[in-house]
Amino acid sequence: ELIQNAEDAGADRLDFFYLPADSTANHLLMRGPSLLVVNNGAFRVEHRYAIRQINLGTKGTDDRAIGRFGKGLKSVFAWCDAFFI
């Protein structure tokens, strides 16, 4: 899903970083082990709103985009408790 999001956004770079737990981190989610995923695709204001809701996507009219139903990013909850952007 995270790879497909980068593809749909037109990214030409995608990096994955494992971050070990840091009990002194300011952000609560960073106090446990983390996976940081970064791509250089476009991220617009409408994307910020769409990821907060199920079934609200921004790719609905893009036949090329696999992720056009507004559910994909939420799939990360299958292997984590939370994510932040």
N, C-alpha and C. Protein backbone atom coordinates (compact mmCIF):
# COMPACT_ATOMS: atom_id res chain seq x y z
N GLU A 1 0.83 -1.21 0.00
CA GLU A 1 0.00 0.00 0.00
C GLU A 1 0.86 1.26 0.00
N LEU A 2 1.88 1.28 0.82
CA LEU A 2 2.74 2.46 0.90
C LEU A 2 3.54 2.65 -0.39
N ILE A 3 3.91 1.56 -1.03
CA ILE A 3 4.60 1.64 -2.31
C ILE A 3 3.63 2.15 -3.38
N GLN A 4 2.40 1.64 -3.36
CA GLN A 4 1.41 2.07 -4.35
C GLN A 4 1.05 3.54 -4.16
N ASN A 5 0.99 4.03 -2.93
CA ASN A 5 0.73 5.45 -2.70
C ASN A 5 1.81 6.31 -3.34
N ALA A 6 3.05 5.88 -3.23
CA ALA A 6 4.14 6.62 -3.85
C ALA A 6 3.99 6.62 -5.37
N GLU A 7 3.64 5.48 -5.93
CA GLU A 7 3.44 5.38 -7.38
C GLU A 7 2.31 6.29 -7.83
N ASP A 8 1.17 6.24 -7.13
CA ASP A 8 0.02 7.07 -7.49
C ASP A 8 0.35 8.56 -7.40
N ALA A 9 1.26 8.92 -6.49
CA ALA A 9 1.63 10.33 -6.31
C ALA A 9 2.70 10.78 -7.30
N GLY A 10 3.18 9.87 -8.12
CA GLY A 10 4.20 10.24 -9.10
C GLY A 10 5.60 10.33 -8.52
N ALA A 11 5.83 9.68 -7.40
CA ALA A 11 7.15 9.73 -6.76
C ALA A 11 8.18 8.97 -7.59
N ASP A 12 9.40 9.47 -7.57
CA ASP A 12 10.48 8.71 -8.18
C ASP A 12 11.49 8.27 -7.13
N ARG A 13 11.11 8.49 -5.85
CA ARG A 13 11.95 8.03 -4.75
C ARG A 13 11.05 7.60 -3.60
N LEU A 14 11.41 6.49 -2.98
CA LEU A 14 10.68 5.95 -1.83
C LEU A 14 11.71 5.35 -0.88
N ASP A 15 11.72 5.80 0.34
CA ASP A 15 12.68 5.31 1.33
C ASP A 15 11.94 4.78 2.55
N PHE A 16 12.47 3.69 3.11
CA PHE A 16 11.96 3.10 4.35
C PHE A 16 13.09 3.16 5.38
N PHE A 17 12.75 3.61 6.57
CA PHE A 17 13.74 3.68 7.65
C PHE A 17 13.16 3.03 8.90
N TYR A 18 13.93 2.15 9.53
CA TYR A 18 13.55 1.60 10.82
C TYR A 18 14.14 2.51 11.90
N LEU A 19 13.31 2.94 12.82
CA LEU A 19 13.77 3.78 13.92
C LEU A 19 13.55 3.02 15.22
N PRO A 20 14.60 2.75 15.97
CA PRO A 20 14.42 2.04 17.24
C PRO A 20 13.66 2.90 18.24
N ALA A 21 13.15 2.28 19.27
CA ALA A 21 12.43 3.00 20.32
C ALA A 21 13.32 4.07 20.93
N ASP A 22 12.72 5.20 21.29
CA ASP A 22 13.43 6.30 21.94
C ASP A 22 12.55 6.82 23.06
N SER A 23 12.83 6.41 24.27
CA SER A 23 11.98 6.77 25.41
C SER A 23 11.99 8.27 25.71
N THR A 24 12.91 9.02 25.10
CA THR A 24 12.98 10.47 25.35
C THR A 24 12.36 11.29 24.22
N ALA A 25 11.80 10.62 23.21
CA ALA A 25 11.23 11.34 22.06
C ALA A 25 10.07 12.23 22.48
N ASN A 26 9.96 13.40 21.86
CA ASN A 26 8.87 14.31 22.16
C ASN A 26 7.52 13.76 21.71
N HIS A 27 7.48 13.12 20.55
CA HIS A 27 6.23 12.59 20.03
C HIS A 27 6.00 11.20 20.63
N LEU A 28 4.85 10.98 21.22
CA LEU A 28 4.53 9.74 21.91
C LEU A 28 4.71 8.52 21.01
N LEU A 29 4.31 8.62 19.74
CA LEU A 29 4.44 7.48 18.84
C LEU A 29 5.88 7.11 18.55
N MET A 30 6.79 8.03 18.71
CA MET A 30 8.19 7.76 18.45
C MET A 30 8.89 7.11 19.64
N ARG A 31 8.19 6.93 20.73
CA ARG A 31 8.79 6.29 21.90
C ARG A 31 8.90 4.78 21.75
N GLY A 32 8.14 4.23 20.82
CA GLY A 32 8.25 2.81 20.49
C GLY A 32 8.99 2.68 19.17
N PRO A 33 9.31 1.45 18.75
CA PRO A 33 9.98 1.30 17.46
C PRO A 33 9.06 1.78 16.34
N SER A 34 9.65 2.33 15.30
CA SER A 34 8.85 2.95 14.24
C SER A 34 9.41 2.61 12.87
N LEU A 35 8.54 2.70 11.89
CA LEU A 35 8.93 2.61 10.49
C LEU A 35 8.59 3.95 9.86
N LEU A 36 9.57 4.61 9.33
CA LEU A 36 9.39 5.89 8.65
C LEU A 36 9.41 5.63 7.15
N VAL A 37 8.37 6.07 6.47
CA VAL A 37 8.25 5.87 5.02
C VAL A 37 8.13 7.25 4.39
N VAL A 38 9.02 7.54 3.44
CA VAL A 38 9.08 8.85 2.81
C VAL A 38 9.13 8.68 1.30
N ASN A 39 8.29 9.45 0.61
CA ASN A 39 8.41 9.51 -0.85
C ASN A 39 8.37 10.96 -1.28
N ASN A 40 8.80 11.23 -2.49
CA ASN A 40 8.86 12.62 -2.95
C ASN A 40 7.72 12.96 -3.92
N GLY A 41 6.62 12.23 -3.83
CA GLY A 41 5.46 12.53 -4.65
C GLY A 41 4.70 13.75 -4.14
N ALA A 42 3.78 14.21 -4.95
CA ALA A 42 2.98 15.38 -4.59
C ALA A 42 2.08 15.07 -3.40
N PHE A 43 1.96 16.02 -2.49
CA PHE A 43 1.04 15.91 -1.35
C PHE A 43 0.38 17.27 -1.19
N ARG A 44 -0.90 17.32 -1.60
CA ARG A 44 -1.62 18.58 -1.60
C ARG A 44 -2.60 18.65 -0.43
N VAL A 45 -3.18 19.80 -0.22
CA VAL A 45 -4.10 20.03 0.89
C VAL A 45 -5.24 19.01 0.86
N GLU A 46 -5.80 18.73 -0.32
CA GLU A 46 -6.91 17.79 -0.39
C GLU A 46 -6.51 16.38 0.04
N HIS A 47 -5.24 16.02 -0.12
CA HIS A 47 -4.76 14.72 0.35
C HIS A 47 -4.79 14.68 1.87
N ARG A 48 -4.43 15.78 2.50
CA ARG A 48 -4.42 15.84 3.96
C ARG A 48 -5.81 15.57 4.52
N TYR A 49 -6.83 16.12 3.90
CA TYR A 49 -8.20 15.91 4.36
C TYR A 49 -8.68 14.49 4.06
N ALA A 50 -8.30 13.96 2.90
CA ALA A 50 -8.78 12.64 2.47
C ALA A 50 -8.26 11.52 3.37
N ILE A 51 -7.02 11.62 3.85
CA ILE A 51 -6.47 10.53 4.65
C ILE A 51 -7.10 10.45 6.03
N ARG A 52 -7.83 11.45 6.42
CA ARG A 52 -8.48 11.45 7.74
C ARG A 52 -9.84 10.76 7.73
N GLN A 53 -10.33 10.38 6.56
CA GLN A 53 -11.66 9.81 6.45
C GLN A 53 -11.64 8.57 5.57
N ILE A 54 -12.45 7.61 5.93
CA ILE A 54 -12.61 6.41 5.10
C ILE A 54 -13.53 6.75 3.93
N ASN A 55 -13.23 6.22 2.79
CA ASN A 55 -14.00 6.40 1.55
C ASN A 55 -13.93 7.81 0.98
N LEU A 56 -13.03 8.63 1.46
CA LEU A 56 -12.82 9.94 0.85
C LEU A 56 -11.42 9.92 0.25
N GLY A 57 -11.36 9.71 -1.03
CA GLY A 57 -10.09 9.68 -1.73
C GLY A 57 -10.00 10.85 -2.69
N THR A 58 -8.83 11.07 -3.24
CA THR A 58 -8.65 12.15 -4.21
C THR A 58 -8.35 11.59 -5.59
N LYS A 59 -8.36 10.27 -5.73
CA LYS A 59 -7.98 9.64 -7.00
C LYS A 59 -9.17 8.97 -7.69
N GLY A 60 -10.38 9.28 -7.29
CA GLY A 60 -11.57 8.62 -7.81
C GLY A 60 -11.75 8.69 -9.30
N THR A 61 -11.29 9.75 -9.92
CA THR A 61 -11.46 9.89 -11.38
C THR A 61 -10.22 9.50 -12.15
N ASP A 62 -9.17 9.08 -11.44
CA ASP A 62 -7.92 8.69 -12.09
C ASP A 62 -7.94 7.18 -12.33
N ASP A 63 -8.27 6.75 -13.54
CA ASP A 63 -8.34 5.33 -13.84
C ASP A 63 -7.00 4.62 -13.71
N ARG A 64 -5.92 5.38 -13.79
CA ARG A 64 -4.58 4.81 -13.66
C ARG A 64 -4.26 4.46 -12.22
N ALA A 65 -4.84 5.17 -11.27
CA ALA A 65 -4.52 5.01 -9.85
C ALA A 65 -5.19 3.76 -9.28
N ILE A 66 -4.40 2.93 -8.64
CA ILE A 66 -4.96 1.76 -7.96
C ILE A 66 -5.71 2.22 -6.72
N GLY A 67 -5.13 3.15 -5.98
CA GLY A 67 -5.75 3.60 -4.74
C GLY A 67 -6.74 4.71 -4.98
N ARG A 68 -7.92 4.39 -5.46
CA ARG A 68 -8.89 5.43 -5.75
C ARG A 68 -10.18 5.29 -4.95
N PHE A 69 -10.15 4.46 -3.91
CA PHE A 69 -11.36 4.24 -3.14
C PHE A 69 -11.31 4.86 -1.75
N GLY A 70 -10.17 5.43 -1.36
CA GLY A 70 -10.07 6.12 -0.08
C GLY A 70 -9.92 5.22 1.13
N LYS A 71 -9.45 3.98 0.94
CA LYS A 71 -9.32 3.05 2.06
C LYS A 71 -7.88 2.60 2.29
N GLY A 72 -7.04 2.75 1.31
CA GLY A 72 -5.72 2.13 1.32
C GLY A 72 -4.82 2.44 2.49
N LEU A 73 -4.59 3.71 2.76
CA LEU A 73 -3.65 4.05 3.81
C LEU A 73 -4.10 3.52 5.16
N LYS A 74 -5.39 3.40 5.34
CA LYS A 74 -5.91 2.87 6.60
C LYS A 74 -5.52 1.41 6.77
N SER A 75 -5.10 0.74 5.70
CA SER A 75 -4.71 -0.66 5.78
C SER A 75 -3.47 -0.86 6.64
N VAL A 76 -2.71 0.18 6.90
CA VAL A 76 -1.53 0.03 7.75
C VAL A 76 -1.92 -0.37 9.17
N PHE A 77 -3.18 -0.17 9.54
CA PHE A 77 -3.61 -0.58 10.88
C PHE A 77 -3.59 -2.09 11.05
N ALA A 78 -3.42 -2.84 9.99
CA ALA A 78 -3.28 -4.29 10.10
C ALA A 78 -1.98 -4.67 10.80
N TRP A 79 -0.99 -3.77 10.74
CA TRP A 79 0.30 -4.08 11.37
C TRP A 79 0.85 -2.98 12.26
N CYS A 80 0.02 -2.01 12.60
CA CYS A 80 0.47 -0.98 13.55
C CYS A 80 -0.73 -0.44 14.31
N ASP A 81 -0.47 0.27 15.39
CA ASP A 81 -1.54 0.86 16.20
C ASP A 81 -1.89 2.27 15.75
N ALA A 82 -0.97 2.94 15.09
CA ALA A 82 -1.19 4.33 14.72
C ALA A 82 -0.22 4.75 13.63
N PHE A 83 -0.54 5.82 12.95
CA PHE A 83 0.41 6.42 12.03
C PHE A 83 0.21 7.92 12.09
N PHE A 84 1.23 8.66 11.70
CA PHE A 84 1.07 10.10 11.60
C PHE A 84 1.82 10.60 10.38
N ILE A 85 1.36 11.73 9.89
CA ILE A 85 1.93 12.33 8.70
C ILE A 85 2.41 13.72 9.02
